[in-house]
């Protein structure tokens, strides 16, 4: 390079810079664009493969899903058979009196039944709801078991607005006796 003239050296450096700029232009203009397009295509392919696996799994388990659906329909039908229908007040009184026998719970107060009306549980819920207010007395432990067993026995009924107070006129032996008042919201069997 020492034998070359100053002008030739500048031309060679300029040529090297031009080649470097052209290579940078190719890298940023074409190659980098192609790499990002390939990365996007690979990401799309991975998403499609995942979706394909999900669809294949669903196709493979369709028989199990149909079996589960049939079992769920049977359970719902069985529950609907025990749901409120017809004379709601008589149904509620009979259910409550039959259920409370093994418990030391006195339920002498029954209000008029409110409903059936649109259920407030979920939007577009296919069942209606009826509410009955009851009141009575019980020992603390007996009442706790009664409430827990009641909601487990009847999954379509819920206890709401529970009010507990010491029972009036308690003797010393019955310090745990409570007076209660609660609302029972029951789903009503749909008219099909």
N, C-alpha and C. Protein backbone atom coordinates (compact mmCIF):
# COMPACT_ATOMS: atom_id res chain seq x y z
N UNK A 1 0.80 -1.16 0.00
CA UNK A 1 0.00 0.00 0.00
C UNK A 1 0.87 1.27 0.00
N UNK A 2 2.13 1.12 0.41
CA UNK A 2 3.01 2.29 0.44
C UNK A 2 3.42 2.69 -0.97
N UNK A 3 3.41 1.77 -1.89
CA UNK A 3 3.83 2.10 -3.24
C UNK A 3 2.74 2.80 -4.02
N UNK A 4 1.52 2.70 -3.53
CA UNK A 4 0.41 3.32 -4.25
C UNK A 4 0.39 4.81 -3.99
N UNK A 5 -0.11 5.48 -4.94
CA UNK A 5 -0.21 6.93 -4.79
C UNK A 5 -1.36 7.25 -3.84
N UNK A 6 -1.31 8.47 -3.38
CA UNK A 6 -2.32 8.92 -2.44
C UNK A 6 -3.72 8.83 -3.07
N UNK A 7 -3.82 9.12 -4.29
CA UNK A 7 -5.08 9.08 -4.99
C UNK A 7 -5.60 7.65 -5.11
N UNK A 8 -4.73 6.69 -5.40
CA UNK A 8 -5.11 5.29 -5.52
C UNK A 8 -5.56 4.76 -4.15
N UNK A 9 -4.83 5.15 -3.09
CA UNK A 9 -5.21 4.71 -1.74
C UNK A 9 -6.62 5.22 -1.39
N UNK A 10 -6.89 6.46 -1.72
CA UNK A 10 -8.21 7.02 -1.43
C UNK A 10 -9.29 6.30 -2.22
N UNK A 11 -8.97 5.93 -3.44
CA UNK A 11 -9.94 5.21 -4.25
C UNK A 11 -10.20 3.81 -3.67
N UNK A 12 -9.13 3.15 -3.18
CA UNK A 12 -9.30 1.80 -2.60
C UNK A 12 -10.12 1.91 -1.30
N UNK A 13 -9.79 2.90 -0.44
CA UNK A 13 -10.54 3.09 0.81
C UNK A 13 -11.99 3.43 0.49
N UNK A 14 -12.19 4.29 -0.51
CA UNK A 14 -13.54 4.64 -0.91
C UNK A 14 -14.29 3.41 -1.45
N UNK A 15 -13.61 2.57 -2.21
CA UNK A 15 -14.23 1.35 -2.74
C UNK A 15 -14.60 0.40 -1.60
N UNK A 16 -13.69 0.28 -0.58
CA UNK A 16 -13.97 -0.58 0.57
C UNK A 16 -15.16 -0.04 1.35
N UNK A 17 -15.22 1.28 1.53
CA UNK A 17 -16.36 1.88 2.24
C UNK A 17 -17.65 1.68 1.46
N UNK A 18 -17.57 1.80 0.14
CA UNK A 18 -18.76 1.60 -0.69
C UNK A 18 -19.25 0.15 -0.58
N UNK A 19 -18.30 -0.79 -0.63
CA UNK A 19 -18.67 -2.22 -0.50
C UNK A 19 -19.28 -2.46 0.87
N UNK A 20 -18.69 -1.86 1.93
CA UNK A 20 -19.22 -2.02 3.29
C UNK A 20 -20.63 -1.43 3.39
N UNK A 21 -20.85 -0.28 2.76
CA UNK A 21 -22.18 0.33 2.80
C UNK A 21 -23.19 -0.50 2.03
N UNK A 22 -22.77 -1.05 0.89
CA UNK A 22 -23.68 -1.91 0.12
C UNK A 22 -24.03 -3.16 0.93
N UNK A 23 -23.01 -3.76 1.60
CA UNK A 23 -23.27 -4.94 2.43
C UNK A 23 -24.20 -4.61 3.59
N UNK A 24 -23.98 -3.44 4.23
CA UNK A 24 -24.88 -3.01 5.32
C UNK A 24 -26.29 -2.78 4.78
N UNK A 25 -26.38 -2.18 3.62
CA UNK A 25 -27.69 -1.96 3.01
C UNK A 25 -28.39 -3.27 2.71
N UNK A 26 -27.64 -4.23 2.18
CA UNK A 26 -28.23 -5.55 1.93
C UNK A 26 -28.68 -6.20 3.24
N UNK A 27 -27.84 -6.09 4.28
CA UNK A 27 -28.18 -6.70 5.56
C UNK A 27 -29.46 -6.08 6.14
N UNK A 28 -29.48 -4.75 6.24
CA UNK A 28 -30.63 -4.10 6.85
C UNK A 28 -31.84 -4.06 5.93
N UNK A 29 -31.62 -4.03 4.64
CA UNK A 29 -32.74 -3.93 3.72
C UNK A 29 -33.37 -5.26 3.36
N UNK A 30 -32.57 -6.28 3.16
CA UNK A 30 -33.11 -7.56 2.69
C UNK A 30 -33.01 -8.67 3.75
N UNK A 31 -31.82 -8.89 4.22
CA UNK A 31 -31.61 -10.05 5.09
C UNK A 31 -32.36 -9.88 6.42
N UNK A 32 -32.25 -8.72 7.04
CA UNK A 32 -32.94 -8.51 8.31
C UNK A 32 -34.45 -8.61 8.12
N UNK A 33 -34.97 -8.04 7.05
CA UNK A 33 -36.40 -8.13 6.75
C UNK A 33 -36.82 -9.59 6.57
N UNK A 34 -36.00 -10.36 5.83
CA UNK A 34 -36.31 -11.77 5.61
C UNK A 34 -36.27 -12.55 6.92
N UNK A 35 -35.30 -12.24 7.79
CA UNK A 35 -35.21 -12.93 9.08
C UNK A 35 -36.44 -12.65 9.94
N UNK A 36 -36.89 -11.42 9.97
CA UNK A 36 -38.08 -11.10 10.76
C UNK A 36 -39.31 -11.78 10.16
N UNK A 37 -39.38 -11.85 8.83
CA UNK A 37 -40.50 -12.55 8.18
C UNK A 37 -40.46 -14.03 8.51
N UNK A 38 -39.27 -14.62 8.53
CA UNK A 38 -39.14 -16.04 8.89
C UNK A 38 -39.52 -16.27 10.35
N UNK A 39 -39.13 -15.36 11.24
CA UNK A 39 -39.49 -15.49 12.66
C UNK A 39 -41.01 -15.40 12.83
N UNK A 40 -41.65 -14.50 12.12
CA UNK A 40 -43.10 -14.37 12.18
C UNK A 40 -43.77 -15.63 11.64
N UNK A 41 -43.25 -16.16 10.54
CA UNK A 41 -43.80 -17.39 9.96
C UNK A 41 -43.62 -18.57 10.92
N UNK A 42 -42.46 -18.64 11.59
CA UNK A 42 -42.22 -19.72 12.54
C UNK A 42 -43.18 -19.61 13.72
N UNK A 43 -43.42 -18.39 14.19
CA UNK A 43 -44.36 -18.18 15.29
C UNK A 43 -45.77 -18.58 14.88
N UNK A 44 -46.17 -18.21 13.68
CA UNK A 44 -47.49 -18.60 13.16
C UNK A 44 -47.60 -20.11 13.04
N UNK A 45 -46.52 -20.74 12.57
CA UNK A 45 -46.51 -22.19 12.44
C UNK A 45 -46.66 -22.86 13.81
N UNK A 46 -45.94 -22.35 14.83
CA UNK A 46 -46.03 -22.91 16.18
C UNK A 46 -47.45 -22.79 16.74
N UNK A 47 -48.08 -21.63 16.50
CA UNK A 47 -49.46 -21.45 16.96
C UNK A 47 -50.40 -22.41 16.25
N UNK A 48 -50.20 -22.60 14.95
CA UNK A 48 -51.05 -23.52 14.18
C UNK A 48 -50.85 -24.95 14.65
N UNK A 49 -49.60 -25.33 14.96
CA UNK A 49 -49.33 -26.69 15.45
C UNK A 49 -50.02 -26.90 16.79
N UNK A 50 -49.96 -25.90 17.67
CA UNK A 50 -50.61 -26.00 18.97
C UNK A 50 -52.12 -26.12 18.81
N UNK A 51 -52.69 -25.33 17.91
CA UNK A 51 -54.13 -25.40 17.66
C UNK A 51 -54.50 -26.77 17.08
N UNK A 52 -53.66 -27.30 16.20
CA UNK A 52 -53.90 -28.62 15.62
C UNK A 52 -53.88 -29.69 16.70
N UNK A 53 -52.92 -29.60 17.64
CA UNK A 53 -52.87 -30.56 18.73
C UNK A 53 -54.13 -30.50 19.58
N UNK A 54 -54.60 -29.27 19.84
CA UNK A 54 -55.82 -29.11 20.63
C UNK A 54 -57.02 -29.72 19.92
N UNK A 55 -57.13 -29.48 18.63
CA UNK A 55 -58.24 -30.03 17.85
C UNK A 55 -58.16 -31.56 17.81
N UNK A 56 -56.96 -32.11 17.62
CA UNK A 56 -56.80 -33.57 17.61
C UNK A 56 -57.18 -34.16 18.96
N UNK A 57 -56.76 -33.49 20.05
CA UNK A 57 -57.10 -33.98 21.39
C UNK A 57 -58.61 -33.95 21.60
N UNK A 58 -59.26 -32.89 21.14
CA UNK A 58 -60.70 -32.78 21.27
C UNK A 58 -61.40 -33.88 20.47
N UNK A 59 -60.91 -34.14 19.27
CA UNK A 59 -61.49 -35.20 18.44
C UNK A 59 -61.32 -36.56 19.10
N UNK A 60 -60.14 -36.78 19.70
CA UNK A 60 -59.87 -38.05 20.35
C UNK A 60 -60.73 -38.24 21.59
N UNK A 61 -61.07 -37.15 22.28
CA UNK A 61 -61.83 -37.26 23.52
C UNK A 61 -63.31 -36.97 23.34
N UNK A 62 -63.80 -36.91 22.12
CA UNK A 62 -65.20 -36.59 21.89
C UNK A 62 -66.11 -37.66 22.51
N UNK A 63 -65.73 -38.91 22.48
CA UNK A 63 -66.55 -39.96 23.09
C UNK A 63 -66.67 -39.75 24.60
N UNK A 64 -65.54 -39.41 25.24
CA UNK A 64 -65.55 -39.15 26.68
C UNK A 64 -66.41 -37.92 27.00
N UNK A 65 -66.30 -36.89 26.16
CA UNK A 65 -67.11 -35.69 26.37
C UNK A 65 -68.60 -35.99 26.23
N UNK A 66 -68.95 -36.81 25.25
CA UNK A 66 -70.36 -37.18 25.08
C UNK A 66 -70.85 -38.00 26.27
N UNK A 67 -70.02 -38.89 26.79
CA UNK A 67 -70.38 -39.67 27.98
C UNK A 67 -70.57 -38.76 29.18
N UNK A 68 -69.65 -37.81 29.37
CA UNK A 68 -69.77 -36.87 30.48
C UNK A 68 -71.03 -36.02 30.35
N UNK A 69 -71.34 -35.59 29.12
CA UNK A 69 -72.54 -34.80 28.89
C UNK A 69 -73.80 -35.60 29.22
N UNK A 70 -73.83 -36.86 28.82
CA UNK A 70 -74.99 -37.71 29.11
C UNK A 70 -75.14 -37.91 30.62
N UNK A 71 -74.03 -38.12 31.33
CA UNK A 71 -74.08 -38.28 32.78
C UNK A 71 -74.56 -36.99 33.46
N UNK A 72 -74.07 -35.86 32.98
CA UNK A 72 -74.49 -34.57 33.56
C UNK A 72 -75.98 -34.34 33.32
N UNK A 73 -76.47 -34.70 32.15
CA UNK A 73 -77.91 -34.56 31.87
C UNK A 73 -78.73 -35.45 32.79
N UNK A 74 -78.24 -36.67 33.06
CA UNK A 74 -78.95 -37.57 33.98
C UNK A 74 -78.99 -36.99 35.39
N UNK A 75 -77.85 -36.42 35.84
CA UNK A 75 -77.81 -35.82 37.19
C UNK A 75 -78.75 -34.63 37.28
N UNK A 76 -78.77 -33.80 36.24
CA UNK A 76 -79.66 -32.64 36.25
C UNK A 76 -81.12 -33.09 36.23
N UNK A 77 -81.43 -34.10 35.45
CA UNK A 77 -82.80 -34.61 35.40
C UNK A 77 -83.21 -35.17 36.76
N UNK A 78 -82.29 -35.90 37.41
CA UNK A 78 -82.59 -36.44 38.74
C UNK A 78 -82.80 -35.32 39.75
N UNK A 79 -81.98 -34.27 39.68
CA UNK A 79 -82.16 -33.13 40.59
C UNK A 79 -83.46 -32.39 40.30
N UNK A 80 -83.81 -32.25 39.03
CA UNK A 80 -85.04 -31.55 38.67
C UNK A 80 -86.28 -32.29 39.17
N UNK A 81 -86.17 -33.61 39.30
CA UNK A 81 -87.31 -34.38 39.81
C UNK A 81 -87.62 -34.03 41.26
N UNK A 82 -86.61 -33.61 42.02
CA UNK A 82 -86.82 -33.27 43.43
C UNK A 82 -86.97 -31.78 43.65
N UNK A 83 -86.90 -30.99 42.59
CA UNK A 83 -87.03 -29.53 42.72
C UNK A 83 -88.48 -29.15 42.95
N UNK A 84 -88.66 -27.91 43.38
CA UNK A 84 -90.00 -27.38 43.65
C UNK A 84 -90.83 -27.34 42.38
N UNK A 85 -92.07 -27.76 42.53
CA UNK A 85 -93.02 -27.70 41.41
C UNK A 85 -94.42 -27.75 41.99
N UNK A 86 -95.39 -27.37 41.21
CA UNK A 86 -96.78 -27.42 41.67
C UNK A 86 -97.04 -26.38 42.75
N UNK A 87 -97.65 -26.81 43.88
CA UNK A 87 -97.93 -25.93 45.01
C UNK A 87 -96.62 -25.72 45.77
N UNK A 88 -95.98 -24.59 45.53
CA UNK A 88 -94.65 -24.33 46.08
C UNK A 88 -94.67 -24.25 47.60
N UNK A 89 -95.71 -23.67 48.18
CA UNK A 89 -95.76 -23.53 49.63
C UNK A 89 -95.85 -24.91 50.30
N UNK A 90 -96.74 -25.74 49.81
CA UNK A 90 -96.87 -27.09 50.38
C UNK A 90 -95.59 -27.89 50.17
N UNK A 91 -94.99 -27.76 49.00
CA UNK A 91 -93.73 -28.48 48.74
C UNK A 91 -92.66 -28.05 49.72
N UNK A 92 -92.52 -26.75 49.96
CA UNK A 92 -91.49 -26.24 50.87
C UNK A 92 -91.74 -26.68 52.30
N UNK A 93 -92.97 -26.62 52.76
CA UNK A 93 -93.30 -27.03 54.13
C UNK A 93 -93.01 -28.52 54.31
N UNK A 94 -93.43 -29.34 53.34
CA UNK A 94 -93.19 -30.79 53.44
C UNK A 94 -91.70 -31.11 53.44
N UNK A 95 -90.93 -30.47 52.57
CA UNK A 95 -89.47 -30.70 52.53
C UNK A 95 -88.84 -30.33 53.87
N UNK A 96 -89.22 -29.17 54.42
CA UNK A 96 -88.62 -28.71 55.66
C UNK A 96 -89.00 -29.61 56.82
N UNK A 97 -90.24 -29.99 56.92
CA UNK A 97 -90.68 -30.85 58.03
C UNK A 97 -90.05 -32.24 57.92
N UNK A 98 -89.95 -32.78 56.73
CA UNK A 98 -89.32 -34.09 56.55
C UNK A 98 -87.84 -34.03 56.86
N UNK A 99 -87.18 -32.97 56.45
CA UNK A 99 -85.73 -32.87 56.64
C UNK A 99 -85.36 -32.63 58.11
N UNK A 100 -86.15 -31.88 58.86
CA UNK A 100 -85.75 -31.48 60.20
C UNK A 100 -85.96 -32.57 61.26
N UNK A 101 -86.59 -33.68 60.93
CA UNK A 101 -86.88 -34.72 61.92
C UNK A 101 -85.65 -35.19 62.71
N UNK A 102 -84.52 -35.53 62.09
CA UNK A 102 -83.41 -36.04 62.91
C UNK A 102 -82.66 -34.96 63.69
N UNK A 103 -83.02 -33.72 63.56
CA UNK A 103 -82.32 -32.62 64.22
C UNK A 103 -83.19 -32.06 65.34
N UNK A 104 -82.54 -31.55 66.35
CA UNK A 104 -83.25 -30.92 67.47
C UNK A 104 -83.45 -29.45 67.15
N UNK A 105 -84.24 -29.20 66.12
CA UNK A 105 -84.51 -27.85 65.63
C UNK A 105 -86.02 -27.68 65.57
N UNK A 106 -86.51 -26.61 66.18
CA UNK A 106 -87.94 -26.31 66.14
C UNK A 106 -88.16 -25.20 65.12
N UNK A 107 -89.05 -25.47 64.15
CA UNK A 107 -89.35 -24.49 63.10
C UNK A 107 -90.86 -24.26 63.08
N UNK A 108 -91.37 -23.41 63.98
CA UNK A 108 -92.81 -23.18 63.99
C UNK A 108 -93.27 -22.05 63.06
N UNK A 109 -92.36 -21.24 62.54
CA UNK A 109 -92.75 -20.06 61.76
C UNK A 109 -92.40 -20.24 60.29
N UNK A 110 -93.42 -20.13 59.46
CA UNK A 110 -93.24 -20.18 58.00
C UNK A 110 -93.96 -18.99 57.40
N UNK A 111 -93.29 -18.23 56.57
CA UNK A 111 -93.94 -17.10 55.90
C UNK A 111 -94.57 -17.59 54.60
N UNK A 112 -95.29 -16.69 53.96
CA UNK A 112 -95.80 -17.02 52.63
C UNK A 112 -94.64 -17.08 51.67
N UNK A 113 -94.75 -17.93 50.67
CA UNK A 113 -93.65 -18.08 49.71
C UNK A 113 -93.68 -16.93 48.72
N UNK A 114 -92.51 -16.43 48.41
CA UNK A 114 -92.36 -15.31 47.48
C UNK A 114 -91.85 -15.86 46.16
N UNK A 115 -92.66 -15.86 45.16
CA UNK A 115 -92.22 -16.34 43.86
C UNK A 115 -93.24 -17.28 43.26
N UNK A 116 -92.92 -17.89 42.22
CA UNK A 116 -91.61 -17.93 41.55
C UNK A 116 -91.36 -16.65 40.75
N UNK A 117 -90.11 -16.30 40.73
CA UNK A 117 -89.67 -15.12 39.98
C UNK A 117 -88.33 -15.43 39.34
N UNK A 118 -87.88 -14.54 38.49
CA UNK A 118 -86.62 -14.73 37.77
C UNK A 118 -85.48 -14.88 38.78
N UNK A 119 -84.64 -15.90 38.59
CA UNK A 119 -83.52 -16.15 39.50
C UNK A 119 -82.45 -15.07 39.33
N UNK A 120 -81.90 -14.64 40.44
CA UNK A 120 -80.86 -13.61 40.40
C UNK A 120 -79.46 -14.20 40.44
N UNK A 121 -79.37 -15.51 40.32
CA UNK A 121 -78.09 -16.20 40.44
C UNK A 121 -77.16 -15.89 39.27
N UNK A 122 -77.63 -16.10 38.06
CA UNK A 122 -76.84 -15.88 36.85
C UNK A 122 -77.73 -15.25 35.78
N UNK A 123 -77.14 -14.50 34.86
CA UNK A 123 -77.96 -13.98 33.75
C UNK A 123 -78.41 -15.13 32.84
N UNK A 124 -79.60 -15.03 32.32
CA UNK A 124 -80.20 -16.03 31.42
C UNK A 124 -80.22 -17.41 32.06
N UNK A 125 -80.45 -17.46 33.37
CA UNK A 125 -80.51 -18.74 34.10
C UNK A 125 -81.84 -19.40 33.78
N UNK A 126 -81.87 -20.70 33.46
CA UNK A 126 -83.11 -21.32 32.98
C UNK A 126 -84.13 -21.63 34.08
N UNK A 127 -83.80 -21.43 35.33
CA UNK A 127 -84.71 -21.75 36.43
C UNK A 127 -85.24 -20.48 37.07
N UNK A 128 -86.42 -20.61 37.67
CA UNK A 128 -86.97 -19.52 38.46
C UNK A 128 -86.66 -19.80 39.92
N UNK A 129 -86.96 -18.82 40.78
CA UNK A 129 -86.60 -18.92 42.18
C UNK A 129 -87.80 -18.55 43.04
N UNK A 130 -87.96 -19.29 44.15
CA UNK A 130 -88.99 -18.98 45.14
C UNK A 130 -88.30 -18.89 46.50
N UNK A 131 -88.77 -17.94 47.33
CA UNK A 131 -88.14 -17.71 48.63
C UNK A 131 -89.16 -17.88 49.73
N UNK A 132 -88.74 -18.58 50.79
CA UNK A 132 -89.57 -18.82 51.96
C UNK A 132 -88.77 -18.40 53.19
N UNK A 133 -89.40 -17.66 54.10
CA UNK A 133 -88.74 -17.26 55.34
C UNK A 133 -89.24 -18.16 56.46
N UNK A 134 -88.29 -18.70 57.22
CA UNK A 134 -88.66 -19.56 58.35
C UNK A 134 -88.00 -19.01 59.61
N UNK A 135 -88.56 -19.38 60.74
CA UNK A 135 -88.00 -18.96 62.02
C UNK A 135 -88.21 -20.06 63.04
N UNK A 136 -87.32 -20.11 64.03
CA UNK A 136 -87.45 -21.12 65.06
C UNK A 136 -86.33 -21.02 66.07
N UNK A 137 -86.16 -22.10 66.85
CA UNK A 137 -85.12 -22.14 67.87
C UNK A 137 -84.37 -23.47 67.77
N UNK A 138 -83.13 -23.44 68.24
CA UNK A 138 -82.30 -24.66 68.25
C UNK A 138 -81.07 -24.38 69.09
N UNK A 139 -80.43 -25.45 69.54
CA UNK A 139 -79.14 -25.30 70.19
C UNK A 139 -78.10 -24.98 69.13
N UNK A 140 -77.04 -24.30 69.54
CA UNK A 140 -76.01 -23.81 68.62
C UNK A 140 -75.45 -24.92 67.73
N UNK A 141 -74.99 -26.03 68.33
CA UNK A 141 -74.39 -27.12 67.55
C UNK A 141 -75.41 -27.80 66.64
N UNK A 142 -76.62 -28.02 67.15
CA UNK A 142 -77.66 -28.66 66.34
C UNK A 142 -78.01 -27.79 65.12
N UNK A 143 -78.09 -26.48 65.35
CA UNK A 143 -78.42 -25.58 64.25
C UNK A 143 -77.31 -25.56 63.19
N UNK A 144 -76.07 -25.57 63.62
CA UNK A 144 -74.95 -25.61 62.67
C UNK A 144 -74.98 -26.85 61.80
N UNK A 145 -75.20 -28.02 62.42
CA UNK A 145 -75.30 -29.26 61.64
C UNK A 145 -76.51 -29.22 60.71
N UNK A 146 -77.62 -28.69 61.20
CA UNK A 146 -78.84 -28.59 60.41
C UNK A 146 -78.60 -27.78 59.13
N UNK A 147 -77.99 -26.61 59.26
CA UNK A 147 -77.72 -25.74 58.10
C UNK A 147 -76.75 -26.41 57.13
N UNK A 148 -75.67 -26.98 57.65
CA UNK A 148 -74.68 -27.62 56.77
C UNK A 148 -75.29 -28.78 56.02
N UNK A 149 -76.02 -29.64 56.72
CA UNK A 149 -76.63 -30.79 56.06
C UNK A 149 -77.74 -30.36 55.09
N UNK A 150 -78.45 -29.31 55.42
CA UNK A 150 -79.52 -28.83 54.55
C UNK A 150 -78.97 -28.40 53.20
N UNK A 151 -77.92 -27.60 53.20
CA UNK A 151 -77.36 -27.13 51.92
C UNK A 151 -76.66 -28.26 51.17
N UNK A 152 -76.15 -29.26 51.86
CA UNK A 152 -75.55 -30.40 51.16
C UNK A 152 -76.61 -31.33 50.59
N UNK A 153 -77.72 -31.49 51.29
CA UNK A 153 -78.80 -32.37 50.84
C UNK A 153 -79.55 -31.79 49.64
N UNK A 154 -79.72 -30.48 49.64
CA UNK A 154 -80.50 -29.83 48.59
C UNK A 154 -79.61 -28.82 47.85
N UNK A 155 -78.90 -29.24 46.80
CA UNK A 155 -78.00 -28.32 46.10
C UNK A 155 -78.72 -27.21 45.35
N UNK A 156 -80.02 -27.30 45.21
CA UNK A 156 -80.79 -26.28 44.51
C UNK A 156 -81.48 -25.32 45.48
N UNK A 157 -81.10 -25.38 46.76
CA UNK A 157 -81.62 -24.45 47.77
C UNK A 157 -80.45 -23.77 48.46
N UNK A 158 -80.64 -22.52 48.83
CA UNK A 158 -79.60 -21.76 49.52
C UNK A 158 -80.21 -21.01 50.69
N UNK A 159 -79.44 -20.93 51.78
CA UNK A 159 -79.84 -20.15 52.94
C UNK A 159 -79.34 -18.73 52.75
N UNK A 160 -80.23 -17.77 52.97
CA UNK A 160 -79.88 -16.36 52.84
C UNK A 160 -80.39 -15.59 54.06
N UNK A 161 -79.82 -14.45 54.30
CA UNK A 161 -80.28 -13.52 55.34
C UNK A 161 -80.49 -14.21 56.69
N UNK A 162 -79.49 -14.90 57.14
CA UNK A 162 -79.56 -15.61 58.42
C UNK A 162 -79.41 -14.62 59.57
N UNK A 163 -80.33 -14.67 60.53
CA UNK A 163 -80.27 -13.83 61.72
C UNK A 163 -80.31 -14.75 62.93
N UNK A 164 -79.31 -14.63 63.81
CA UNK A 164 -79.25 -15.43 65.03
C UNK A 164 -79.28 -14.50 66.24
N UNK A 165 -80.05 -14.90 67.26
CA UNK A 165 -80.13 -14.16 68.51
C UNK A 165 -80.27 -15.16 69.64
N UNK A 166 -79.90 -14.79 70.84
CA UNK A 166 -80.17 -15.69 71.98
C UNK A 166 -81.68 -15.88 72.11
N UNK A 167 -82.07 -17.09 72.39
CA UNK A 167 -83.50 -17.39 72.50
C UNK A 167 -84.08 -16.65 73.70
N UNK A 168 -85.28 -16.08 73.56
CA UNK A 168 -85.88 -15.36 74.69
C UNK A 168 -86.30 -16.33 75.79
N UNK A 169 -86.18 -15.89 77.06
CA UNK A 169 -86.62 -16.69 78.21
C UNK A 169 -85.79 -17.94 78.43
N UNK A 170 -84.49 -17.87 78.20
CA UNK A 170 -83.64 -19.04 78.39
C UNK A 170 -83.47 -19.34 79.87
N UNK A 171 -83.40 -20.63 80.16
CA UNK A 171 -83.00 -21.04 81.49
C UNK A 171 -81.50 -21.25 81.50
N UNK A 172 -80.92 -21.41 82.63
CA UNK A 172 -79.47 -21.55 82.74
C UNK A 172 -78.96 -22.78 82.03
N UNK A 173 -79.73 -23.85 81.93
CA UNK A 173 -79.28 -25.07 81.28
C UNK A 173 -79.24 -24.93 79.76
N UNK A 174 -79.96 -23.96 79.22
CA UNK A 174 -80.04 -23.80 77.76
C UNK A 174 -79.38 -22.51 77.31
N UNK A 175 -78.17 -22.26 77.76
CA UNK A 175 -77.49 -21.01 77.40
C UNK A 175 -77.10 -20.95 75.93
N UNK A 176 -76.99 -22.09 75.30
CA UNK A 176 -76.59 -22.11 73.89
C UNK A 176 -77.80 -22.09 72.95
N UNK A 177 -79.00 -21.97 73.47
CA UNK A 177 -80.18 -21.99 72.63
C UNK A 177 -80.30 -20.66 71.87
N UNK A 178 -80.55 -20.80 70.58
CA UNK A 178 -80.62 -19.63 69.69
C UNK A 178 -82.00 -19.52 69.08
N UNK A 179 -82.36 -18.31 68.77
CA UNK A 179 -83.54 -18.03 67.98
C UNK A 179 -83.02 -17.62 66.59
N UNK A 180 -83.57 -18.21 65.55
CA UNK A 180 -83.07 -17.91 64.21
C UNK A 180 -84.20 -17.52 63.28
N UNK A 181 -83.81 -16.81 62.25
CA UNK A 181 -84.71 -16.44 61.17
C UNK A 181 -83.86 -16.45 59.90
N UNK A 182 -84.35 -17.09 58.84
CA UNK A 182 -83.58 -17.17 57.60
C UNK A 182 -84.50 -17.29 56.41
N UNK A 183 -83.97 -16.92 55.28
CA UNK A 183 -84.67 -17.08 54.01
C UNK A 183 -84.08 -18.29 53.29
N UNK A 184 -84.95 -19.10 52.72
CA UNK A 184 -84.50 -20.23 51.91
C UNK A 184 -84.91 -19.93 50.47
N UNK A 185 -83.94 -19.83 49.61
CA UNK A 185 -84.19 -19.61 48.18
C UNK A 185 -84.08 -20.95 47.47
N UNK A 186 -85.15 -21.37 46.82
CA UNK A 186 -85.20 -22.66 46.13
C UNK A 186 -85.43 -22.43 44.64
N UNK A 187 -84.70 -23.18 43.84
CA UNK A 187 -84.92 -23.11 42.39
C UNK A 187 -86.20 -23.89 42.06
N UNK A 188 -86.97 -23.38 41.13
CA UNK A 188 -88.24 -23.99 40.75
C UNK A 188 -88.05 -24.72 39.44
N UNK A 189 -88.58 -25.93 39.38
CA UNK A 189 -88.48 -26.77 38.18
C UNK A 189 -89.10 -26.04 36.99
N UNK A 190 -88.36 -25.97 35.86
CA UNK A 190 -88.90 -25.26 34.69
C UNK A 190 -90.07 -26.02 34.09
N UNK A 191 -91.01 -25.30 33.52
CA UNK A 191 -92.14 -25.92 32.83
C UNK A 191 -91.71 -26.24 31.42
N UNK A 192 -91.47 -27.50 31.14
CA UNK A 192 -90.99 -27.91 29.82
C UNK A 192 -92.11 -28.42 28.97
